[in-house]
N, C-alpha and C. Protein backbone atom coordinates (compact mmCIF):
# COMPACT_ATOMS: atom_id res chain seq x y z
N MET A 1 54.65 122.29 -35.22
CA MET A 1 53.71 122.78 -34.20
C MET A 1 52.90 123.94 -34.78
N MET A 2 51.67 124.04 -34.36
CA MET A 2 50.85 125.12 -34.89
C MET A 2 51.26 126.44 -34.25
N ARG A 3 50.70 127.51 -34.77
CA ARG A 3 51.05 128.84 -34.25
C ARG A 3 50.67 128.93 -32.78
N LEU A 4 51.52 129.56 -31.99
CA LEU A 4 51.24 129.68 -30.56
C LEU A 4 50.19 130.75 -30.33
N ARG A 5 50.35 131.88 -31.04
CA ARG A 5 49.39 132.97 -30.84
C ARG A 5 48.38 132.99 -31.98
N PRO A 6 47.08 133.06 -31.65
CA PRO A 6 46.05 133.15 -32.68
C PRO A 6 46.15 134.48 -33.41
N LYS A 7 45.66 134.52 -34.63
CA LYS A 7 45.72 135.76 -35.41
C LYS A 7 44.96 136.86 -34.67
N LEU A 8 45.57 138.01 -34.56
CA LEU A 8 44.90 139.13 -33.89
C LEU A 8 43.75 139.62 -34.75
N GLY A 9 42.61 139.84 -34.11
CA GLY A 9 41.47 140.38 -34.84
C GLY A 9 40.67 139.30 -35.55
N SER A 10 41.02 138.03 -35.35
CA SER A 10 40.26 136.97 -36.00
C SER A 10 39.01 136.68 -35.17
N VAL A 11 37.85 136.97 -35.74
CA VAL A 11 36.60 136.78 -34.98
C VAL A 11 36.24 135.31 -34.90
N GLU A 12 36.28 134.64 -36.06
CA GLU A 12 35.89 133.22 -36.06
C GLU A 12 37.09 132.38 -35.66
N GLU A 13 37.13 132.05 -34.38
CA GLU A 13 38.22 131.23 -33.85
C GLU A 13 37.67 129.88 -33.49
N GLU A 14 38.46 128.84 -33.70
CA GLU A 14 38.00 127.51 -33.33
C GLU A 14 37.99 127.39 -31.81
N PRO A 15 36.97 126.72 -31.25
CA PRO A 15 36.92 126.51 -29.80
C PRO A 15 38.24 125.96 -29.27
N LYS A 16 38.87 125.08 -30.05
CA LYS A 16 40.14 124.50 -29.62
C LYS A 16 41.17 125.61 -29.47
N ASP A 17 41.18 126.52 -30.44
CA ASP A 17 42.16 127.61 -30.39
C ASP A 17 41.94 128.44 -29.13
N LYS A 18 40.68 128.76 -28.85
CA LYS A 18 40.39 129.57 -27.65
C LYS A 18 40.83 128.82 -26.41
N LEU A 19 40.48 127.55 -26.35
CA LEU A 19 40.83 126.76 -25.17
C LEU A 19 42.34 126.69 -25.03
N ARG A 20 43.02 126.43 -26.16
CA ARG A 20 44.48 126.32 -26.11
C ARG A 20 45.09 127.66 -25.69
N THR A 21 44.51 128.75 -26.19
CA THR A 21 45.02 130.07 -25.82
C THR A 21 44.87 130.28 -24.31
N MET A 22 43.71 129.90 -23.78
CA MET A 22 43.49 130.05 -22.33
C MET A 22 44.50 129.22 -21.56
N VAL A 23 44.73 128.00 -22.02
CA VAL A 23 45.69 127.13 -21.33
C VAL A 23 47.08 127.75 -21.38
N VAL A 24 47.47 128.25 -22.55
CA VAL A 24 48.79 128.87 -22.69
C VAL A 24 48.91 130.06 -21.74
N GLN A 25 47.87 130.88 -21.68
CA GLN A 25 47.91 132.04 -20.79
C GLN A 25 48.02 131.58 -19.34
N HIS A 26 47.29 130.54 -18.99
CA HIS A 26 47.32 130.02 -17.62
C HIS A 26 48.73 129.53 -17.29
N LEU A 27 49.32 128.79 -18.23
CA LEU A 27 50.67 128.27 -17.99
C LEU A 27 51.65 129.43 -17.87
N THR A 28 51.46 130.45 -18.71
CA THR A 28 52.35 131.60 -18.65
C THR A 28 52.24 132.27 -17.28
N LYS A 29 51.01 132.37 -16.77
CA LYS A 29 50.83 132.98 -15.45
C LYS A 29 51.50 132.13 -14.38
N ALA A 30 51.36 130.81 -14.54
CA ALA A 30 51.94 129.89 -13.54
C ALA A 30 53.45 130.11 -13.45
N ILE A 31 54.06 130.35 -14.62
CA ILE A 31 55.51 130.57 -14.62
C ILE A 31 55.76 131.98 -14.10
């Protein structure tokens, strides 16, 4: 599995990474 948390301070992030991060945060909030 890929890294759960994106590298801190990484400016160039893949849209997928951002989207996945948002989803992870949303799921975390749901729990």
